[in-house]
Amino acid sequence: MSKDQTYGGLILLISLIVAIIYVAAFFAPWVSIYFAAWPAWLNWWAVAIPVFLFVLAALVICMWIGWTMMTTPPPEPLEADMTPPSTEESKKESE
């Protein structure tokens, strides 16, 4: 097994464990009925943390777009002599 496959398997395993914990925390009030030691406040954090991260990511993307627009110089204006030739002029040139 190559190093890339090992890293892929490790990422898969960690993601699976985090997904199981997230689903369990999301449904914490129902789980706490069966397991008294499971804190019921975990379902609030299971919703609050991803919402916080998505909002923060959207704001960072907006900041990045604003920064790029602010620091990019304006394009050079087009000059009048750069207009395409008319069809009559192009026919005369081709002859």
Protein backbone atom coordinates (compact mmCIF):
# COMPACT_ATOMS: atom_id res chain seq x y z
CA MET A 1 0.00 0.00 0.00
CA SER A 2 1.45 3.39 -0.99
CA LYS A 3 1.76 6.40 1.24
CA ASP A 4 -1.10 8.17 -0.60
CA GLN A 5 -3.41 5.21 -0.01
CA THR A 6 -2.47 5.16 3.67
CA TYR A 7 -3.23 8.88 4.00
CA GLY A 8 -6.50 8.38 2.13
CA GLY A 9 -7.54 5.58 4.46
CA LEU A 10 -6.61 7.66 7.48
CA ILE A 11 -8.64 10.62 6.20
CA LEU A 12 -11.58 8.29 5.52
CA LEU A 13 -11.41 6.80 9.01
CA ILE A 14 -11.15 10.15 10.77
CA SER A 15 -14.00 11.59 8.67
CA LEU A 16 -16.18 8.60 9.50
CA ILE A 17 -15.52 8.98 13.23
CA VAL A 18 -16.22 12.74 13.13
CA ALA A 19 -19.44 12.13 11.13
CA ILE A 20 -20.66 9.56 13.66
CA ILE A 21 -19.89 11.91 16.57
CA TYR A 22 -21.60 14.80 14.73
CA VAL A 23 -24.77 12.82 14.06
CA ALA A 24 -24.81 11.63 17.68
CA ALA A 25 -24.34 15.18 18.95
CA PHE A 26 -27.02 16.50 16.60
CA PHE A 27 -29.55 14.08 18.04
CA ALA A 28 -28.27 14.49 21.62
CA PRO A 29 -31.67 15.08 23.29
CA TRP A 30 -32.93 11.73 22.09
CA VAL A 31 -29.64 10.02 22.86
CA SER A 32 -29.58 11.50 26.36
CA ILE A 33 -32.90 9.77 27.05
CA TYR A 34 -31.15 6.43 26.63
CA PHE A 35 -27.70 7.39 27.92
CA ALA A 36 -27.98 9.67 30.94
CA ALA A 37 -24.30 10.66 30.76
CA TRP A 38 -24.67 12.19 27.24
CA PRO A 39 -25.04 15.98 27.60
CA ALA A 40 -28.08 17.39 25.81
CA TRP A 41 -26.39 20.71 24.98
CA LEU A 42 -24.25 19.00 22.33
CA ASN A 43 -27.03 19.22 19.74
CA TRP A 44 -26.95 23.03 19.99
CA TRP A 45 -23.21 23.04 19.29
CA ALA A 46 -23.68 20.53 16.48
CA VAL A 47 -25.82 23.13 14.69
CA ALA A 48 -24.08 26.31 15.88
CA ILE A 49 -20.51 25.41 14.90
CA PRO A 50 -21.21 24.49 11.23
CA VAL A 51 -23.49 27.51 10.78
CA PHE A 52 -20.79 29.74 12.28
CA LEU A 53 -18.13 28.24 9.98
CA PHE A 54 -20.27 28.58 6.84
CA VAL A 55 -21.12 32.21 7.61
CA LEU A 56 -17.47 32.95 8.39
CA ALA A 57 -16.37 31.26 5.14
CA ALA A 58 -18.87 33.31 3.13
CA LEU A 59 -17.65 36.53 4.76
CA VAL A 60 -14.00 35.64 4.12
CA ILE A 61 -14.81 35.01 0.45
CA CYS A 62 -16.58 38.40 0.27
CA MET A 63 -13.57 40.07 1.90
CA TRP A 64 -11.24 38.37 -0.58
CA ILE A 65 -13.36 39.57 -3.52
CA GLY A 66 -13.39 43.11 -2.12
CA TRP A 67 -9.63 43.06 -1.54
CA THR A 68 -9.03 41.83 -5.07
CA MET A 69 -11.30 44.50 -6.56
CA MET A 70 -9.66 47.19 -4.42
CA THR A 71 -6.06 46.28 -5.27
CA THR A 72 -6.46 45.47 -8.97
CA PRO A 73 -5.60 48.45 -11.19
CA PRO A 74 -8.27 49.60 -13.64
CA PRO A 75 -7.92 48.40 -17.24
CA GLU A 76 -6.33 50.62 -19.86
CA PRO A 77 -8.91 52.60 -21.86
CA LEU A 78 -9.41 51.56 -25.45
CA GLU A 79 -8.02 53.97 -28.00
CA ALA A 80 -10.11 55.28 -30.89
CA ASP A 81 -7.72 53.97 -33.57
CA MET A 82 -8.19 50.37 -32.38
CA THR A 83 -11.62 50.07 -34.00
CA PRO A 84 -11.92 47.20 -36.47
CA PRO A 85 -11.73 48.17 -40.16
CA SER A 86 -14.93 48.34 -42.15
CA THR A 87 -15.70 45.63 -44.68
CA GLU A 88 -14.95 47.88 -47.66
CA GLU A 89 -11.48 48.70 -46.37
CA SER A 90 -10.72 45.05 -45.69
CA LYS A 91 -11.80 44.09 -49.24
CA LYS A 92 -9.47 46.74 -50.73
CA GLU A 93 -6.57 45.53 -48.60
CA SER A 94 -7.10 41.90 -49.62
CA GLU A 95 -6.93 42.75 -53.37
